[in-house]
Amino acid sequence: MRPPATQGCIRTIYLCDDGKDAGKEAWVEGLNRTGEAGCPVVYIRGHPREPGEVNGKSGNLNNALSNVLYPGGVDPGSHEARLCLQGAT
């Protein structure tokens, strides 16, 4: 199921992988080659964990937001962002 994007918005899927899995990275490359996802897919490798960091998922989200979506403290302004988070069990 692909819900429609909000008018005027461009959809991009970001896969944040704290496991740095070469197989997932290749899968994303394949999705982009075939266009199967219907939009660009970006693979984001995990970030180095800080001493005492327990939850890698929140670190991945912070890494994606601050270094990929809004690098250098760029003000997102009126850009709409919808996040769908799925954790491995």
Protein backbone atom coordinates (compact mmCIF):
# COMPACT_ATOMS: atom_id res chain seq x y z
CA MET A 1 0.00 0.00 0.00
CA ARG A 2 1.35 3.41 -0.97
CA PRO A 3 -0.65 6.25 0.56
CA PRO A 4 -0.58 9.40 -1.51
CA ALA A 5 1.97 12.05 -0.63
CA THR A 6 0.67 15.39 0.54
CA GLN A 7 0.27 17.75 -2.41
CA GLY A 8 3.52 19.58 -3.10
CA CYS A 9 5.60 17.14 -1.04
CA ILE A 10 8.27 14.80 -2.35
CA ARG A 11 8.41 11.38 -0.74
CA THR A 12 11.74 9.80 0.16
CA ILE A 13 12.24 6.66 2.24
CA TYR A 14 15.21 6.59 4.62
CA LEU A 15 16.43 3.25 5.95
CA CYS A 16 18.45 3.86 9.13
CA ASP A 17 20.52 0.77 9.80
CA ASP A 18 22.41 0.59 13.07
CA GLY A 19 23.71 -2.84 12.05
CA LYS A 20 25.55 -1.51 8.98
CA ASP A 21 24.22 -4.47 6.98
CA ALA A 22 25.70 -4.72 3.47
CA GLY A 23 22.70 -6.84 2.41
CA LYS A 24 20.24 -4.08 3.33
CA GLU A 25 22.39 -1.51 1.57
CA ALA A 26 22.39 -3.66 -1.59
CA TRP A 27 18.60 -4.11 -1.29
CA VAL A 28 18.16 -0.31 -1.18
CA GLU A 29 20.41 0.07 -4.24
CA GLY A 30 18.23 -2.50 -6.03
CA LEU A 31 15.05 -0.63 -5.12
CA ASN A 32 16.51 2.54 -6.58
CA ARG A 33 17.65 0.74 -9.75
CA THR A 34 14.27 -0.85 -10.41
CA GLY A 35 12.09 1.99 -9.10
CA GLU A 36 10.09 -0.62 -7.18
CA ALA A 37 9.61 1.65 -4.15
CA GLY A 38 8.03 4.37 -6.29
CA CYS A 39 10.28 7.02 -4.74
CA PRO A 40 13.94 7.49 -3.81
CA VAL A 41 15.26 5.28 -1.01
CA VAL A 42 18.29 6.41 1.02
CA TYR A 43 20.38 4.01 3.10
CA ILE A 44 21.81 5.64 6.23
CA ARG A 45 24.58 3.75 7.99
CA GLY A 46 24.48 3.73 11.76
CA HIS A 47 26.31 6.29 13.80
CA PRO A 48 29.10 5.60 16.29
CA ARG A 49 27.58 4.98 19.72
CA GLU A 50 28.52 7.37 22.46
CA PRO A 51 29.79 5.88 25.76
CA GLY A 52 26.78 4.90 27.85
CA GLU A 53 24.33 5.05 24.93
CA VAL A 54 21.77 2.31 25.37
CA ASN A 55 19.19 2.84 22.64
CA GLY A 56 20.67 2.68 19.15
CA LYS A 57 17.28 3.38 17.54
CA SER A 58 16.97 6.89 18.97
CA GLY A 59 20.59 7.55 18.05
CA ASN A 60 19.87 6.48 14.47
CA LEU A 61 16.88 8.80 14.31
CA ASN A 62 18.87 11.73 15.69
CA ASN A 63 21.70 10.97 13.26
CA ALA A 64 19.32 10.87 10.28
CA LEU A 65 17.58 14.10 11.24
CA SER A 66 20.67 16.14 12.13
CA ASN A 67 23.11 14.84 9.49
CA VAL A 68 20.96 13.82 6.52
CA LEU A 69 17.53 15.49 6.53
CA TYR A 70 18.50 18.78 8.22
CA PRO A 71 22.32 18.95 8.11
CA GLY A 72 24.16 21.72 9.88
CA GLY A 73 21.11 22.81 11.84
CA VAL A 74 19.14 23.75 8.70
CA ASP A 75 15.73 25.06 9.74
CA PRO A 76 13.13 22.67 8.30
CA GLY A 77 10.78 25.64 7.89
CA SER A 78 7.48 24.57 6.42
CA HIS A 79 8.71 21.20 5.17
CA GLU A 80 6.41 18.38 6.16
CA ALA A 81 8.04 15.26 7.55
CA ARG A 82 6.22 12.06 8.37
CA LEU A 83 8.21 9.41 10.12
CA CYS A 84 7.39 5.76 10.26
CA LEU A 85 9.65 3.92 12.67
CA GLN A 86 10.03 0.18 12.66
CA GLY A 87 12.35 -1.58 15.03
CA ALA A 88 13.80 -5.02 14.69
CA THR A 89 12.70 -7.46 17.33
